[in-house]
Amino acid sequence: MNITPAGKALPCHAAETLPGLDFPSVREQSLAAIWRSAPVFERFRGTAWMAEPCRSCDRREIDWGGCRCQALALTGDAANTDPACALSPHHGAMLAAIAEAAGEAEAGFVYRRIGAAAKAEAKAEGMSRRGPVLALAAIWLLAGGIAGAAPQVFPVTEVAPGIFVRHGVDQDATAENDDAIANIGFIVGTAAVAVIDPGGSRGDGERLRATVRAETDRPIRYVVMTHDHPDHVFGGSAFLPDHPVFVGHARLPGALAERGDYYRRRLAEILGADRVGDYVVRRNWSRIGPSSIWAAACSISRPMAPPIPTMT
């Protein structure tokens, strides 16, 4: 399940490409009700919707017919058997797409690495000589133009009363964007504030903190880290002066212990060591669960509904 910044619940991140589906909003229904009974989640659930050869296939309850978005993209009908399957009558469409892509390729695969794509594009466009100048200009602007200037406020969208989102950009981390590329935001309750992902660098976190302060003077009580990607967590250190509780999944400290040093080194190469910031899992740490989420919600705002039950 994916939740968009506007509050729509999607079966997958690309589900909005499927025609004729109505996506419910988490602002109007609970996640439990959406998951269990929303028509969009029932549409391709189970096996009754399947056509042959899926319906009689021994693997029908293993791969569940494959990807509906891929079926739509390659065959024009989301209900068709995924063309990736060798048994699909549309498998030829997948083979043709692969052959076309192979014919267009100029070189082998270029694996995704933080900042690598942006650096390659800059070199190809003859930007290498201007890169240091642009980087210095970006640092100057991100710092507010002068040393010691207050962090700048950035635009946010209030997607629901008290819920603010900064829409990210489809870029790798660069010195110019300061790794400020992720969807992040905050919730202003009646008593306090919860930050949802503190950003991708020290500067990104500081600007998010300034943006919160421009909206409200209520205390920042929680900083929620939804996952371990560097563009979502390295702004955490900017919120230490607020003494919040840092909240994340029980496995997040282990994931960051395993990958955090690598993320920090790579960001330091791109941004400079003084601009990286840091994630925070060593103090004031709280592992999330239904009860802790509900307790946090009650502490930032008056509870309006009972907690959502767990789903297995």
C-alpha atoms as a PDB file:
ATOM      1  CA  MET A   1       0.000   0.000   0.000  1.00  0.00           C
ATOM      2  CA  ASN A   2       1.227   3.498  -0.869  1.00  0.00           C
ATOM      3  CA  ILE A   3      -0.142   6.785   0.499  1.00  0.00           C
ATOM      4  CA  THR A   4       0.331   9.822  -1.730  1.00  0.00           C
ATOM      5  CA  PRO A   5       1.070  13.293  -0.294  1.00  0.00           C
ATOM      6  CA  ALA A   6      -2.574  14.142  -1.037  1.00  0.00           C
ATOM      7  CA  GLY A   7      -3.762  11.225   1.110  1.00  0.00           C
ATOM      8  CA  LYS A   8      -4.824   8.757  -1.604  1.00  0.00           C
ATOM      9  CA  ALA A   9      -4.313   5.067  -0.793  1.00  0.00           C
ATOM     10  CA  LEU A  10      -2.825   3.157  -3.744  1.00  0.00           C
ATOM     11  CA  PRO A  11      -2.269  -0.603  -4.129  1.00  0.00           C
ATOM     12  CA  CYS A  12       1.151   0.253  -5.621  1.00  0.00           C
ATOM     13  CA  HIS A  13       3.116   3.369  -6.528  1.00  0.00           C
ATOM     14  CA  ALA A  14       2.025   3.265 -10.204  1.00  0.00           C
ATOM     15  CA  ALA A  15      -1.633   2.352  -9.631  1.00  0.00           C
ATOM     16  CA  GLU A  16      -2.896   5.751 -10.756  1.00  0.00           C
ATOM     17  CA  THR A  17      -2.025   4.736 -14.330  1.00  0.00           C
ATOM     18  CA  LEU A  18      -4.853   2.160 -14.209  1.00  0.00           C
ATOM     19  CA  PRO A  19      -8.094   3.557 -15.670  1.00  0.00           C
ATOM     20  CA  GLY A  20     -11.499   3.413 -14.036  1.00  0.00           C
ATOM     21  CA  LEU A  21     -10.318   3.085 -10.436  1.00  0.00           C
ATOM     22  CA  ASP A  22     -11.378   5.312  -7.537  1.00  0.00           C
ATOM     23  CA  PHE A  23      -8.687   5.685  -4.895  1.00  0.00           C
ATOM     24  CA  PRO A  24      -9.965   6.284  -1.347  1.00  0.00           C
ATOM     25  CA  SER A  25      -8.468   8.902   0.955  1.00  0.00           C
ATOM     26  CA  VAL A  26      -6.969   8.214   4.370  1.00  0.00           C
ATOM     27  CA  ARG A  27      -8.540  11.523   5.413  1.00  0.00           C
ATOM     28  CA  GLU A  28     -11.977   9.946   4.992  1.00  0.00           C
ATOM     29  CA  GLN A  29     -11.461   6.264   5.865  1.00  0.00           C
ATOM     30  CA  SER A  30      -9.162   4.272   8.113  1.00  0.00           C
ATOM     31  CA  LEU A  31      -6.319   2.272   6.610  1.00  0.00           C
ATOM     32  CA  ALA A  32      -7.918  -0.899   7.944  1.00  0.00           C
ATOM     33  CA  ALA A  33     -11.219  -0.198   6.165  1.00  0.00           C
ATOM     34  CA  ILE A  34      -9.437   0.714   2.932  1.00  0.00           C
ATOM     35  CA  TRP A  35      -7.274  -2.403   2.983  1.00  0.00           C
ATOM     36  CA  ARG A  36     -10.108  -4.766   3.778  1.00  0.00           C
ATOM     37  CA  SER A  37     -12.973  -3.485   1.660  1.00  0.00           C
ATOM     38  CA  ALA A  38     -12.121  -0.621  -0.728  1.00  0.00           C
ATOM     39  CA  PRO A  39     -13.130  -1.645  -4.280  1.00  0.00           C
ATOM     40  CA  VAL A  40      -9.754  -0.622  -5.685  1.00  0.00           C
ATOM     41  CA  PHE A  41      -8.035  -3.123  -3.371  1.00  0.00           C
ATOM     42  CA  GLU A  42     -10.618  -5.815  -4.136  1.00  0.00           C
ATOM     43  CA  ARG A  43     -10.397  -5.373  -7.930  1.00  0.00           C
ATOM     44  CA  PHE A  44      -7.383  -7.650  -8.452  1.00  0.00           C
ATOM     45  CA  ARG A  45      -7.397  -9.535  -5.134  1.00  0.00           C
ATOM     46  CA  GLY A  46      -7.522 -13.318  -5.125  1.00  0.00           C
ATOM     47  CA  THR A  47      -7.893 -15.363  -8.316  1.00  0.00           C
ATOM     48  CA  ALA A  48     -11.498 -14.871  -9.485  1.00  0.00           C
ATOM     49  CA  TRP A  49     -10.580 -11.931 -11.747  1.00  0.00           C
ATOM     50  CA  MET A  50      -7.910 -13.898 -13.605  1.00  0.00           C
ATOM     51  CA  ALA A  51      -8.189 -14.972 -17.240  1.00  0.00           C
ATOM     52  CA  GLU A  52      -6.420 -17.970 -18.729  1.00  0.00           C
ATOM     53  CA  PRO A  53      -3.709 -19.102 -18.531  1.00  0.00           C
ATOM     54  CA  CYS A  54      -3.466 -17.643 -15.004  1.00  0.00           C
ATOM     55  CA  ARG A  55      -6.778 -19.054 -13.786  1.00  0.00           C
ATOM     56  CA  SER A  56      -5.676 -22.681 -14.197  1.00  0.00           C
ATOM     57  CA  CYS A  57      -1.956 -22.148 -13.548  1.00  0.00           C
ATOM     58  CA  ASP A  58      -0.321 -23.946 -10.625  1.00  0.00           C
ATOM     59  CA  ARG A  59       1.437 -20.686  -9.690  1.00  0.00           C
ATOM     60  CA  ARG A  60      -1.699 -18.536  -9.577  1.00  0.00           C
ATOM     61  CA  GLU A  61      -1.486 -18.192  -5.780  1.00  0.00           C
ATOM     62  CA  ILE A  62       2.259 -17.545  -5.880  1.00  0.00           C
ATOM     63  CA  ASP A  63       2.641 -14.685  -8.354  1.00  0.00           C
ATOM     64  CA  TRP A  64      -1.070 -13.639  -8.385  1.00  0.00           C
ATOM     65  CA  GLY A  65      -1.064 -12.858 -12.092  1.00  0.00           C
ATOM     66  CA  GLY A  66       1.950 -10.546 -11.991  1.00  0.00           C
ATOM     67  CA  CYS A  67       1.964  -6.763 -12.309  1.00  0.00           C
ATOM     68  CA  ARG A  68      -1.264  -5.047 -13.397  1.00  0.00           C
ATOM     69  CA  CYS A  69       0.467  -1.791 -14.330  1.00  0.00           C
ATOM     70  CA  GLN A  70       2.956  -3.649 -16.507  1.00  0.00           C
ATOM     71  CA  ALA A  71       0.134  -5.563 -18.189  1.00  0.00           C
ATOM     72  CA  LEU A  72      -1.607  -2.255 -18.978  1.00  0.00           C
ATOM     73  CA  ALA A  73       1.559  -0.602 -20.254  1.00  0.00           C
ATOM     74  CA  LEU A  74       2.475  -3.416 -22.643  1.00  0.00           C
ATOM     75  CA  THR A  75      -0.924  -4.811 -23.689  1.00  0.00           C
ATOM     76  CA  GLY A  76      -3.403  -1.989 -23.086  1.00  0.00           C
ATOM     77  CA  ASP A  77      -5.479  -4.050 -20.623  1.00  0.00           C
ATOM     78  CA  ALA A  78      -4.661  -4.282 -16.910  1.00  0.00           C
ATOM     79  CA  ALA A  79      -6.580  -7.587 -16.647  1.00  0.00           C
ATOM     80  CA  ASN A  80      -4.301  -9.410 -19.086  1.00  0.00           C
ATOM     81  CA  THR A  81      -1.684 -11.865 -17.904  1.00  0.00           C
ATOM     82  CA  ASP A  82       1.567 -10.058 -17.125  1.00  0.00           C
ATOM     83  CA  PRO A  83       3.661 -10.214 -20.328  1.00  0.00           C
ATOM     84  CA  ALA A  84       6.734 -10.955 -18.220  1.00  0.00           C
ATOM     85  CA  CYS A  85       5.412 -14.513 -17.786  1.00  0.00           C
ATOM     86  CA  ALA A  86       6.586 -16.944 -20.459  1.00  0.00           C
ATOM     87  CA  LEU A  87       3.098 -18.508 -20.481  1.00  0.00           C
ATOM     88  CA  SER A  88       1.373 -15.207 -21.237  1.00  0.00           C
ATOM     89  CA  PRO A  89      -0.145 -14.917 -24.722  1.00  0.00           C
ATOM     90  CA  HIS A  90       1.328 -11.406 -24.692  1.00  0.00           C
ATOM     91  CA  HIS A  91       4.872 -12.484 -23.803  1.00  0.00           C
ATOM     92  CA  GLY A  92       5.997 -11.333 -27.234  1.00  0.00           C
ATOM     93  CA  ALA A  93       5.270  -7.730 -26.241  1.00  0.00           C
ATOM     94  CA  MET A  94       7.770  -8.038 -23.404  1.00  0.00           C
ATOM     95  CA  LEU A  95      10.391  -9.611 -25.663  1.00  0.00           C
ATOM     96  CA  ALA A  96       9.865  -6.858 -28.237  1.00  0.00           C
ATOM     97  CA  ALA A  97      10.271  -4.156 -25.574  1.00  0.00           C
ATOM     98  CA  ILE A  98      13.482  -5.782 -24.346  1.00  0.00           C
ATOM     99  CA  ALA A  99      14.853  -6.045 -27.876  1.00  0.00           C
ATOM    100  CA  GLU A 100      13.995  -2.412 -28.594  1.00  0.00           C
ATOM    101  CA  ALA A 101      15.661  -1.254 -25.391  1.00  0.00           C
ATOM    102  CA  ALA A 102      18.755  -3.344 -26.137  1.00  0.00           C
ATOM    103  CA  GLY A 103      18.986  -1.809 -29.612  1.00  0.00           C
ATOM    104  CA  GLU A 104      18.890   1.705 -28.180  1.00  0.00           C
ATOM    105  CA  ALA A 105      21.473   1.066 -25.479  1.00  0.00           C
ATOM    106  CA  GLU A 106      24.830   2.725 -26.105  1.00  0.00           C
ATOM    107  CA  ALA A 107      26.639   0.887 -23.322  1.00  0.00           C
ATOM    108  CA  GLY A 108      26.102  -1.587 -20.515  1.00  0.00           C
ATOM    109  CA  PHE A 109      24.022  -0.956 -17.423  1.00  0.00           C
ATOM    110  CA  VAL A 110      24.929   2.110 -15.357  1.00  0.00           C
ATOM    111  CA  TYR A 111      24.117   1.230 -11.770  1.00  0.00           C
ATOM    112  CA  ARG A 112      22.495   3.861  -9.593  1.00  0.00           C
ATOM    113  CA  ARG A 113      24.845   5.530  -7.126  1.00  0.00           C
ATOM    114  CA  ILE A 114      24.241   8.654  -5.111  1.00  0.00           C
ATOM    115  CA  GLY A 115      25.161  11.627  -7.254  1.00  0.00           C
ATOM    116  CA  ALA A 116      26.642   9.537 -10.078  1.00  0.00           C
ATOM    117  CA  ALA A 117      23.937  10.245 -12.642  1.00  0.00           C
ATOM    118  CA  ALA A 118      23.999  13.982 -12.048  1.00  0.00           C
ATOM    119  CA  LYS A 119      27.793  14.077 -12.290  1.00  0.00           C
ATOM    120  CA  ALA A 120      27.742  12.101 -15.547  1.00  0.00           C
ATOM    121  CA  GLU A 121      25.163  14.458 -17.069  1.00  0.00           C
ATOM    122  CA  ALA A 122      27.195  17.479 -16.002  1.00  0.00           C
ATOM    123  CA  LYS A 123      30.327  16.069 -17.630  1.00  0.00           C
ATOM    124  CA  ALA A 124      28.474  15.182 -20.846  1.00  0.00           C
ATOM    125  CA  GLU A 125      27.092  18.696 -21.112  1.00  0.00           C
ATOM    126  CA  GLY A 126      30.499  20.279 -20.610  1.00  0.00           C
ATOM    127  CA  MET A 127      29.662  21.526 -17.147  1.00  0.00           C
ATOM    128  CA  SER A 128      32.803  20.293 -15.439  1.00  0.00           C
ATOM    129  CA  ARG A 129      34.535  23.698 -15.491  1.00  0.00           C
ATOM    130  CA  ARG A 130      31.505  25.487 -14.113  1.00  0.00           C
ATOM    131  CA  GLY A 131      30.757  22.828 -11.492  1.00  0.00           C
ATOM    132  CA  PRO A 132      32.928  24.280  -8.684  1.00  0.00           C
ATOM    133  CA  VAL A 133      31.530  27.767  -9.308  1.00  0.00           C
ATOM    134  CA  LEU A 134      27.946  26.507  -9.234  1.00  0.00           C
ATOM    135  CA  ALA A 135      28.668  24.498  -6.109  1.00  0.00           C
ATOM    136  CA  LEU A 136      30.075  27.549  -4.322  1.00  0.00           C
ATOM    137  CA  ALA A 137      27.099  29.623  -5.428  1.00  0.00           C
ATOM    138  CA  ALA A 138      24.711  26.956  -4.189  1.00  0.00           C
ATOM    139  CA  ILE A 139      26.466  26.797  -0.829  1.00  0.00           C
ATOM    140  CA  TRP A 140      26.227  30.581  -0.558  1.00  0.00           C
ATOM    141  CA  LEU A 141      22.503  30.565  -1.400  1.00  0.00           C
ATOM    142  CA  LEU A 142      21.694  27.607   0.851  1.00  0.00           C
ATOM    143  CA  ALA A 143      23.487  29.324   3.706  1.00  0.00           C
ATOM    144  CA  GLY A 144      21.326  32.390   3.226  1.00  0.00           C
ATOM    145  CA  GLY A 145      23.918  34.431   1.368  1.00  0.00           C
ATOM    146  CA  ILE A 146      26.098  35.376   4.341  1.00  0.00           C
ATOM    147  CA  ALA A 147      27.802  33.471   7.117  1.00  0.00           C
ATOM    148  CA  GLY A 148      25.601  32.943  10.135  1.00  0.00           C
ATOM    149  CA  ALA A 149      22.382  33.816   8.291  1.00  0.00           C
ATOM    150  CA  ALA A 150      19.209  32.136   9.488  1.00  0.00           C
ATOM    151  CA  PRO A 151      18.123  29.070   7.485  1.00  0.00           C
ATOM    152  CA  GLN A 152      15.668  29.939   4.753  1.00  0.00           C
ATOM    153  CA  VAL A 153      12.049  28.799   4.843  1.00  0.00           C
ATOM    154  CA  PHE A 154      10.948  26.645   1.901  1.00  0.00           C
ATOM    155  CA  PRO A 155       7.451  26.277   0.392  1.00  0.00           C
ATOM    156  CA  VAL A 156       5.166  23.558   1.765  1.00  0.00           C
ATOM    157  CA  THR A 157       1.677  22.427   0.806  1.00  0.00           C
ATOM    158  CA  GLU A 158      -1.000  22.053   3.480  1.00  0.00           C
ATOM    159  CA  VAL A 159      -2.632  18.847   2.181  1.00  0.00           C
ATOM    160  CA  ALA A 160      -5.052  18.727   5.141  1.00  0.00           C
ATOM    161  CA  PRO A 161      -5.545  20.993   8.169  1.00  0.00           C
ATOM    162  CA  GLY A 162      -2.251  21.021  10.065  1.00  0.00           C
ATOM    163  CA  ILE A 163      -0.488  18.571   7.703  1.00  0.00           C
ATOM    164  CA  PHE A 164       2.303  20.146   5.630  1.00  0.00           C
ATOM    165  CA  VAL A 165       4.318  18.483   2.831  1.00  0.00           C
ATOM    166  CA  ARG A 166       7.445  19.526   0.944  1.00  0.00           C
ATOM    167  CA  HIS A 167       7.251  17.783  -2.432  1.00  0.00           C
ATOM    168  CA  GLY A 168      10.616  16.367  -3.421  1.00  0.00           C
ATOM    169  CA  VAL A 169      12.372  16.408  -6.784  1.00  0.00           C
ATOM    170  CA  ASP A 170      13.451  13.557  -9.055  1.00  0.00           C
ATOM    171  CA  GLN A 171      17.192  14.097  -8.690  1.00  0.00           C
ATOM    172  CA  ASP A 172      20.230  12.468  -7.159  1.00  0.00           C
ATOM    173  CA  ALA A 173      22.061  14.223  -4.350  1.00  0.00           C
ATOM    174  CA  THR A 174      24.320  17.024  -5.594  1.00  0.00           C
ATOM    175  CA  ALA A 175      26.200  19.942  -4.064  1.00  0.00           C
ATOM    176  CA  GLU A 176      23.681  22.232  -5.763  1.00  0.00           C
ATOM    177  CA  ASN A 177      20.531  20.639  -4.277  1.00  0.00           C
ATOM    178  CA  ASP A 178      22.086  19.879  -0.848  1.00  0.00           C
ATOM    179  CA  ASP A 179      20.336  16.444  -0.922  1.00  0.00           C
ATOM    180  CA  ALA A 180      17.055  18.307  -0.358  1.00  0.00           C
ATOM    181  CA  ILE A 181      15.225  15.953  -2.711  1.00  0.00           C
ATOM    182  CA  ALA A 182      12.787  13.886  -0.629  1.00  0.00           C
ATOM    183  CA  ASN A 183       9.115  14.254   0.215  1.00  0.00           C
ATOM    184  CA  ILE A 184       9.197  15.418   3.835  1.00  0.00           C
ATOM    185  CA  GLY A 185       6.842  17.348   6.100  1.00  0.00           C
ATOM    186  CA  PHE A 186       5.332  17.903   9.510  1.00  0.00           C
ATOM    187  CA  ILE A 187       2.065  17.718  11.434  1.00  0.00           C
ATOM    188  CA  VAL A 188       0.997  20.623  13.638  1.00  0.00           C
ATOM    189  CA  GLY A 189      -1.243  19.367  16.436  1.00  0.00           C
ATOM    190  CA  THR A 190      -3.075  21.271  19.122  1.00  0.00           C
ATOM    191  CA  ALA A 191      -0.238  20.716  21.590  1.00  0.00           C
ATOM    192  CA  ALA A 192       2.941  19.950  19.613  1.00  0.00           C
ATOM    193  CA  VAL A 193       4.536  19.137  16.273  1.00  0.00           C
ATOM    194  CA  ALA A 194       5.650  15.858  14.696  1.00  0.00           C
ATOM    195  CA  VAL A 195       8.225  16.067  11.902  1.00  0.00           C
ATOM    196  CA  ILE A 196       7.875  13.339   9.276  1.00  0.00           C
ATOM    197  CA  ASP A 197      11.376  12.673   7.903  1.00  0.00           C
ATOM    198  CA  PRO A 198      13.914  15.389   8.801  1.00  0.00           C
ATOM    199  CA  GLY A 199      15.514  15.763   5.363  1.00  0.00           C
ATOM    200  CA  GLY A 200      18.694  14.787   3.564  1.00  0.00           C
ATOM    201  CA  SER A 201      21.415  16.982   5.072  1.00  0.00           C
ATOM    202  CA  ARG A 202      22.182  19.359   7.906  1.00  0.00           C
ATOM    203  CA  GLY A 203      21.028  22.316   5.807  1.00  0.00           C
ATOM    204  CA  ASP A 204      17.857  20.556   4.658  1.00  0.00           C
ATOM    205  CA  GLY A 205      16.977  19.763   8.268  1.00  0.00           C
ATOM    206  CA  GLU A 206      17.701  23.313   9.390  1.00  0.00           C
ATOM    207  CA  ARG A 207      15.475  24.725   6.665  1.00  0.00           C
ATOM    208  CA  LEU A 208      12.700  22.284   7.563  1.00  0.00           C
ATOM    209  CA  ARG A 209      13.010  23.345  11.208  1.00  0.00           C
ATOM    210  CA  ALA A 210      12.805  27.012  10.154  1.00  0.00           C
ATOM    211  CA  THR A 211       9.734  26.224   8.059  1.00  0.00           C
ATOM    212  CA  VAL A 212       8.051  24.583  11.046  1.00  0.00           C
ATOM    213  CA  ARG A 213       8.863  27.629  13.152  1.00  0.00           C
ATOM    214  CA  ALA A 214       7.348  29.910  10.496  1.00  0.00           C
ATOM    215  CA  GLU A 215       4.058  28.001  10.849  1.00  0.00           C
ATOM    216  CA  THR A 216       3.870  27.514  14.611  1.00  0.00           C
ATOM    217  CA  ASP A 217       5.691  28.062  17.902  1.00  0.00           C
ATOM    218  CA  ARG A 218       4.442  24.749  19.338  1.00  0.00           C
ATOM    219  CA  PRO A 219       7.221  22.422  20.476  1.00  0.00           C
ATOM    220  CA  ILE A 220       8.650  19.829  18.094  1.00  0.00           C
ATOM    221  CA  ARG A 221       8.010  16.717  20.158  1.00  0.00           C
ATOM    222  CA  TYR A 222       8.610  13.915  17.641  1.00  0.00           C
ATOM    223  CA  VAL A 223      10.851  13.343  14.616  1.00  0.00           C
ATOM    224  CA  VAL A 224       9.589  10.310  12.696  1.00  0.00           C
ATOM    225  CA  MET A 225      12.011   8.568  10.327  1.00  0.00           C
ATOM    226  CA  THR A 226       9.975   6.427   7.949  1.00  0.00           C
ATOM    227  CA  HIS A 227      12.958   4.528   6.499  1.00  0.00           C
ATOM    228  CA  ASP A 228      16.739   4.580   6.186  1.00  0.00           C
ATOM    229  CA  HIS A 229      17.376   6.365   2.880  1.00  0.00           C
ATOM    230  CA  PRO A 230      19.900   9.191   3.377  1.00  0.00           C
ATOM    231  CA  ASP A 231      17.687  11.870   1.802  1.00  0.00           C
ATOM    232  CA  HIS A 232      15.146  11.213   4.574  1.00  0.00           C
ATOM    233  CA  VAL A 233      17.312  10.976   7.713  1.00  0.00           C
ATOM    234  CA  PHE A 234      20.515  13.050   7.614  1.00  0.00           C
ATOM    235  CA  GLY A 235      18.685  16.221   8.624  1.00  0.00           C
ATOM    236  CA  GLY A 236      17.921  14.632  11.995  1.00  0.00           C
ATOM    237  CA  SER A 237      20.783  16.343  13.806  1.00  0.00           C
ATOM    238  CA  ALA A 238      19.238  19.766  13.056  1.00  0.00           C
ATOM    239  CA  PHE A 239      16.416  18.943  15.493  1.00  0.00           C
ATOM    240  CA  LEU A 240      18.586  18.004  18.480  1.00  0.00           C
ATOM    241  CA  PRO A 241      18.102  21.463  20.087  1.00  0.00           C
ATOM    242  CA  ASP A 242      14.377  20.668  20.362  1.00  0.00           C
ATOM    243  CA  HIS A 243      15.077  17.470  22.373  1.00  0.00           C
ATOM    244  CA  PRO A 244      12.408  15.471  20.502  1.00  0.00           C
ATOM    245  CA  VAL A 245      11.767  11.750  20.612  1.00  0.00           C
ATOM    246  CA  PHE A 246      13.166  10.193  17.428  1.00  0.00           C
ATOM    247  CA  VAL A 247      10.765   7.535  16.193  1.00  0.00           C
ATOM    248  CA  GLY A 248      11.303   4.730  13.708  1.00  0.00           C
ATOM    249  CA  HIS A 249      10.779   1.064  12.922  1.00  0.00           C
ATOM    250  CA  ALA A 250      12.349  -1.455  15.274  1.00  0.00           C
ATOM    251  CA  ARG A 251      14.785  -2.481  12.526  1.00  0.00           C
ATOM    252  CA  LEU A 252      15.825   1.038  11.566  1.00  0.00           C
ATOM    253  CA  PRO A 253      18.793   1.307  13.986  1.00  0.00           C
ATOM    254  CA  GLY A 254      20.202  -1.943  12.598  1.00  0.00           C
ATOM    255  CA  ALA A 255      19.716  -0.809   8.999  1.00  0.00           C
ATOM    256  CA  LEU A 256      21.472   2.497   9.680  1.00  0.00           C
ATOM    257  CA  ALA A 257      24.255   0.781  11.600  1.00  0.00           C
ATOM    258  CA  GLU A 258      24.828  -1.400   8.535  1.00  0.00           C
ATOM    259  CA  ARG A 259      24.617   1.327   5.858  1.00  0.00           C
ATOM    260  CA  GLY A 260      24.934   4.642   7.662  1.00  0.00           C
ATOM    261  CA  ASP A 261      28.718   4.985   7.467  1.00  0.00           C
ATOM    262  CA  TYR A 262      28.635   4.364   3.724  1.00  0.00           C
ATOM    263  CA  TYR A 263      25.840   6.915   3.245  1.00  0.00           C
ATOM    264  CA  ARG A 264      27.784   9.455   5.322  1.00  0.00           C
ATOM    265  CA  ARG A 265      31.008   8.978   3.331  1.00  0.00           C
ATOM    266  CA  ARG A 266      29.238   9.287  -0.014  1.00  0.00           C
ATOM    267  CA  LEU A 267      27.334  12.406   1.067  1.00  0.00           C
ATOM    268  CA  ALA A 268      30.563  13.932   2.367  1.00  0.00           C
ATOM    269  CA  GLU A 269      32.139  13.395  -1.069  1.00  0.00           C
ATOM    270  CA  ILE A 270      29.199  15.180  -2.708  1.00  0.00           C
ATOM    271  CA  LEU A 271      28.283  17.909  -0.193  1.00  0.00           C
ATOM    272  CA  GLY A 272      31.399  18.314   1.928  1.00  0.00           C
ATOM    273  CA  ALA A 273      31.800  16.871   5.409  1.00  0.00           C
ATOM    274  CA  ASP A 274      30.527  20.009   7.164  1.00  0.00           C
ATOM    275  CA  ARG A 275      27.212  19.909   5.291  1.00  0.00           C
ATOM    276  CA  VAL A 276      26.278  16.239   5.718  1.00  0.00           C
ATOM    277  CA  GLY A 277      24.496  16.338   9.059  1.00  0.00           C
ATOM    278  CA  ASP A 278      23.597  13.024  10.693  1.00  0.00           C
ATOM    279  CA  TYR A 279      20.801  10.652  11.513  1.00  0.00           C
ATOM    280  CA  VAL A 280      19.864  10.202  15.172  1.00  0.00           C
ATOM    281  CA  VAL A 281      19.177   6.766  16.639  1.00  0.00           C
ATOM    282  CA  ARG A 282      21.447   6.785  19.653  1.00  0.00           C
ATOM    283  CA  ARG A 283      19.327   8.743  22.084  1.00  0.00           C
ATOM    284  CA  ASN A 284      15.667   9.423  22.764  1.00  0.00           C
ATOM    285  CA  TRP A 285      14.913   6.458  20.487  1.00  0.00           C
ATOM    286  CA  SER A 286      11.415   4.990  20.246  1.00  0.00           C
ATOM    287  CA  ARG A 287      10.477   1.932  18.218  1.00  0.00           C
ATOM    288  CA  ILE A 288       7.115   2.302  16.566  1.00  0.00           C
ATOM    289  CA  GLY A 289       4.086   0.094  16.977  1.00  0.00           C
ATOM    290  CA  PRO A 290       0.323   0.692  17.091  1.00  0.00           C
ATOM    291  CA  SER A 291       0.377   1.695  20.760  1.00  0.00           C
ATOM    292  CA  SER A 292       3.349   4.065  20.423  1.00  0.00           C
ATOM    293  CA  ILE A 293       1.879   5.698  17.320  1.00  0.00           C
ATOM    294  CA  TRP A 294      -1.394   6.277  19.163  1.00  0.00           C
ATOM    295  CA  ALA A 295       0.427   7.646  22.209  1.00  0.00           C
ATOM    296  CA  ALA A 296       2.364  10.048  19.987  1.00  0.00           C
ATOM    297  CA  ALA A 297      -0.823  11.159  18.236  1.00  0.00           C
ATOM    298  CA  CYS A 298      -2.497  11.862  21.567  1.00  0.00           C
ATOM    299  CA  SER A 299       0.491  13.887  22.738  1.00  0.00           C
ATOM    300  CA  ILE A 300       0.507  16.256  19.741  1.00  0.00           C
ATOM    301  CA  SER A 301      -3.264  16.585  19.290  1.00  0.00           C
ATOM    302  CA  ARG A 302      -6.620  15.654  20.764  1.00  0.00           C
ATOM    303  CA  PRO A 303      -7.520  12.097  19.628  1.00  0.00           C
ATOM    304  CA  MET A 304     -10.383  12.117  17.133  1.00  0.00           C
ATOM    305  CA  ALA A 305     -10.796   8.365  16.559  1.00  0.00           C
ATOM    306  CA  PRO A 306      -9.645   5.052  18.056  1.00  0.00           C
ATOM    307  CA  PRO A 307      -6.313   3.619  16.903  1.00  0.00           C
ATOM    308  CA  ILE A 308      -6.242   1.645  13.645  1.00  0.00           C
ATOM    309  CA  PRO A 309      -6.018  -2.088  14.352  1.00  0.00           C
ATOM    310  CA  THR A 310      -2.963  -3.973  13.198  1.00  0.00           C
ATOM    311  CA  MET A 311      -3.199  -5.890   9.917  1.00  0.00           C
ATOM    312  CA  THR A 312      -1.385  -9.164   9.241  1.00  0.00           C
END
